[in-house]
Amino acid sequence: MASKTTIERRLQFRRSTLERLYEAYDKLLKGGVKSYTIDDRELTRFDLPDLKEEIEKMEKEVDELENLLSGQRPRKAVAVVLRDW
């Protein structure tokens, strides 16, 4: 498991990335710009669904890192198989 310092650095990076994604989505949605650049990527209005998926993924990662910092364990995947005898 990563140290608390490493988790905090990862969390800080993810939060700053999430803020840039929010800003790009907001500007493209409002129509104030035709394209938006994040680092080396140029996005247009047609990229809104992809951008929304990235935001949701980044939000989940931030939530998981915050939970790790607060002492909660990562989620486990559990499946239930229903059988009809």
C-alpha atoms as a PDB file:
ATOM      1  CA  MET A   1       0.000   0.000   0.000  1.00  0.00           C
ATOM      2  CA  ALA A   2       1.210   3.501  -0.781  1.00  0.00           C
ATOM      3  CA  SER A   3       2.334   5.847   1.959  1.00  0.00           C
ATOM      4  CA  LYS A   4       0.159   8.702   3.172  1.00  0.00           C
ATOM      5  CA  THR A   5       2.438  11.237   1.444  1.00  0.00           C
ATOM      6  CA  THR A   6       2.132   9.407  -1.871  1.00  0.00           C
ATOM      7  CA  ILE A   7      -1.650   9.217  -1.569  1.00  0.00           C
ATOM      8  CA  GLU A   8      -1.813  12.951  -0.775  1.00  0.00           C
ATOM      9  CA  ARG A   9       0.310  13.768  -3.850  1.00  0.00           C
ATOM     10  CA  ARG A  10      -1.886  11.583  -6.041  1.00  0.00           C
ATOM     11  CA  LEU A  11      -5.001  13.197  -4.597  1.00  0.00           C
ATOM     12  CA  GLN A  12      -3.660  16.700  -5.201  1.00  0.00           C
ATOM     13  CA  PHE A  13      -2.827  15.830  -8.814  1.00  0.00           C
ATOM     14  CA  ARG A  14      -6.239  14.263  -9.431  1.00  0.00           C
ATOM     15  CA  ARG A  15      -8.039  17.259  -7.917  1.00  0.00           C
ATOM     16  CA  SER A  16      -6.164  19.741 -10.115  1.00  0.00           C
ATOM     17  CA  THR A  17      -6.856  17.589 -13.174  1.00  0.00           C
ATOM     18  CA  LEU A  18     -10.520  17.370 -12.220  1.00  0.00           C
ATOM     19  CA  GLU A  19     -10.738  21.167 -11.945  1.00  0.00           C
ATOM     20  CA  ARG A  20      -9.299  21.545 -15.461  1.00  0.00           C
ATOM     21  CA  LEU A  21     -11.795  18.986 -16.769  1.00  0.00           C
ATOM     22  CA  TYR A  22     -14.682  20.854 -15.101  1.00  0.00           C
ATOM     23  CA  GLU A  23     -13.506  24.120 -16.632  1.00  0.00           C
ATOM     24  CA  ALA A  24     -13.197  22.606 -20.120  1.00  0.00           C
ATOM     25  CA  TYR A  25     -16.623  20.960 -19.909  1.00  0.00           C
ATOM     26  CA  ASP A  26     -18.249  24.158 -18.646  1.00  0.00           C
ATOM     27  CA  LYS A  27     -16.749  26.360 -21.356  1.00  0.00           C
ATOM     28  CA  LEU A  28     -17.598  23.925 -24.137  1.00  0.00           C
ATOM     29  CA  LEU A  29     -21.128  23.434 -22.811  1.00  0.00           C
ATOM     30  CA  LYS A  30     -21.867  27.144 -22.551  1.00  0.00           C
ATOM     31  CA  GLY A  31     -20.690  27.635 -26.109  1.00  0.00           C
ATOM     32  CA  GLY A  32     -18.239  30.386 -25.240  1.00  0.00           C
ATOM     33  CA  VAL A  33     -15.530  28.582 -27.179  1.00  0.00           C
ATOM     34  CA  LYS A  34     -15.493  26.237 -30.157  1.00  0.00           C
ATOM     35  CA  SER A  35     -12.516  24.298 -28.922  1.00  0.00           C
ATOM     36  CA  TYR A  36     -10.598  23.987 -25.674  1.00  0.00           C
ATOM     37  CA  THR A  37      -7.063  22.805 -24.997  1.00  0.00           C
ATOM     38  CA  ILE A  38      -5.937  20.813 -21.957  1.00  0.00           C
ATOM     39  CA  ASP A  39      -2.189  20.223 -22.039  1.00  0.00           C
ATOM     40  CA  ASP A  40      -1.636  18.682 -25.489  1.00  0.00           C
ATOM     41  CA  ARG A  41      -5.288  17.731 -26.194  1.00  0.00           C
ATOM     42  CA  GLU A  42      -7.708  19.895 -28.123  1.00  0.00           C
ATOM     43  CA  LEU A  43     -11.384  19.278 -27.398  1.00  0.00           C
ATOM     44  CA  THR A  44     -14.496  20.407 -29.247  1.00  0.00           C
ATOM     45  CA  ARG A  45     -18.207  20.257 -28.476  1.00  0.00           C
ATOM     46  CA  PHE A  46     -18.314  16.818 -30.078  1.00  0.00           C
ATOM     47  CA  ASP A  47     -15.997  15.590 -27.316  1.00  0.00           C
ATOM     48  CA  LEU A  48     -18.478  16.404 -24.500  1.00  0.00           C
ATOM     49  CA  PRO A  49     -19.578  12.765 -23.919  1.00  0.00           C
ATOM     50  CA  ASP A  50     -15.939  11.624 -23.709  1.00  0.00           C
ATOM     51  CA  LEU A  51     -15.123  14.518 -21.425  1.00  0.00           C
ATOM     52  CA  LYS A  52     -18.057  13.635 -19.176  1.00  0.00           C
ATOM     53  CA  GLU A  53     -16.782  10.045 -18.890  1.00  0.00           C
ATOM     54  CA  GLU A  54     -13.310  11.334 -17.963  1.00  0.00           C
ATOM     55  CA  ILE A  55     -14.815  13.584 -15.295  1.00  0.00           C
ATOM     56  CA  GLU A  56     -16.804  10.704 -13.795  1.00  0.00           C
ATOM     57  CA  LYS A  57     -13.704   8.493 -13.769  1.00  0.00           C
ATOM     58  CA  MET A  58     -11.594  11.201 -12.137  1.00  0.00           C
ATOM     59  CA  GLU A  59     -14.308  11.856  -9.517  1.00  0.00           C
ATOM     60  CA  LYS A  60     -14.290   8.164  -8.598  1.00  0.00           C
ATOM     61  CA  GLU A  61     -10.495   8.182  -8.297  1.00  0.00           C
ATOM     62  CA  VAL A  62     -10.605  11.263  -6.050  1.00  0.00           C
ATOM     63  CA  ASP A  63     -13.268   9.621  -3.861  1.00  0.00           C
ATOM     64  CA  GLU A  64     -11.201   6.442  -3.552  1.00  0.00           C
ATOM     65  CA  LEU A  65      -8.052   8.362  -2.602  1.00  0.00           C
ATOM     66  CA  GLU A  66      -9.965  10.425  -0.027  1.00  0.00           C
ATOM     67  CA  ASN A  67     -11.327   7.206   1.460  1.00  0.00           C
ATOM     68  CA  LEU A  68      -7.813   5.760   1.671  1.00  0.00           C
ATOM     69  CA  LEU A  69      -6.631   8.872   3.512  1.00  0.00           C
ATOM     70  CA  SER A  70      -9.502   8.629   5.989  1.00  0.00           C
ATOM     71  CA  GLY A  71      -8.607   5.013   6.729  1.00  0.00           C
ATOM     72  CA  GLN A  72     -11.320   3.221   4.778  1.00  0.00           C
ATOM     73  CA  ARG A  73     -10.348   0.201   2.744  1.00  0.00           C
ATOM     74  CA  PRO A  74     -10.725   0.153  -1.043  1.00  0.00           C
ATOM     75  CA  ARG A  75     -13.946  -1.314  -2.323  1.00  0.00           C
ATOM     76  CA  LYS A  76     -14.170  -4.976  -3.141  1.00  0.00           C
ATOM     77  CA  ALA A  77     -16.075  -6.341  -6.078  1.00  0.00           C
ATOM     78  CA  VAL A  78     -18.701  -8.829  -4.975  1.00  0.00           C
ATOM     79  CA  ALA A  79     -20.978 -10.822  -7.253  1.00  0.00           C
ATOM     80  CA  VAL A  80     -24.142 -12.735  -6.546  1.00  0.00           C
ATOM     81  CA  VAL A  81     -25.136 -15.628  -8.755  1.00  0.00           C
ATOM     82  CA  LEU A  82     -28.813 -16.466  -8.657  1.00  0.00           C
ATOM     83  CA  ARG A  83     -29.816 -20.026  -9.408  1.00  0.00           C
ATOM     84  CA  ASP A  84     -33.227 -21.440  -9.995  1.00  0.00           C
ATOM     85  CA  TRP A  85     -33.232 -25.114  -8.964  1.00  0.00           C
END
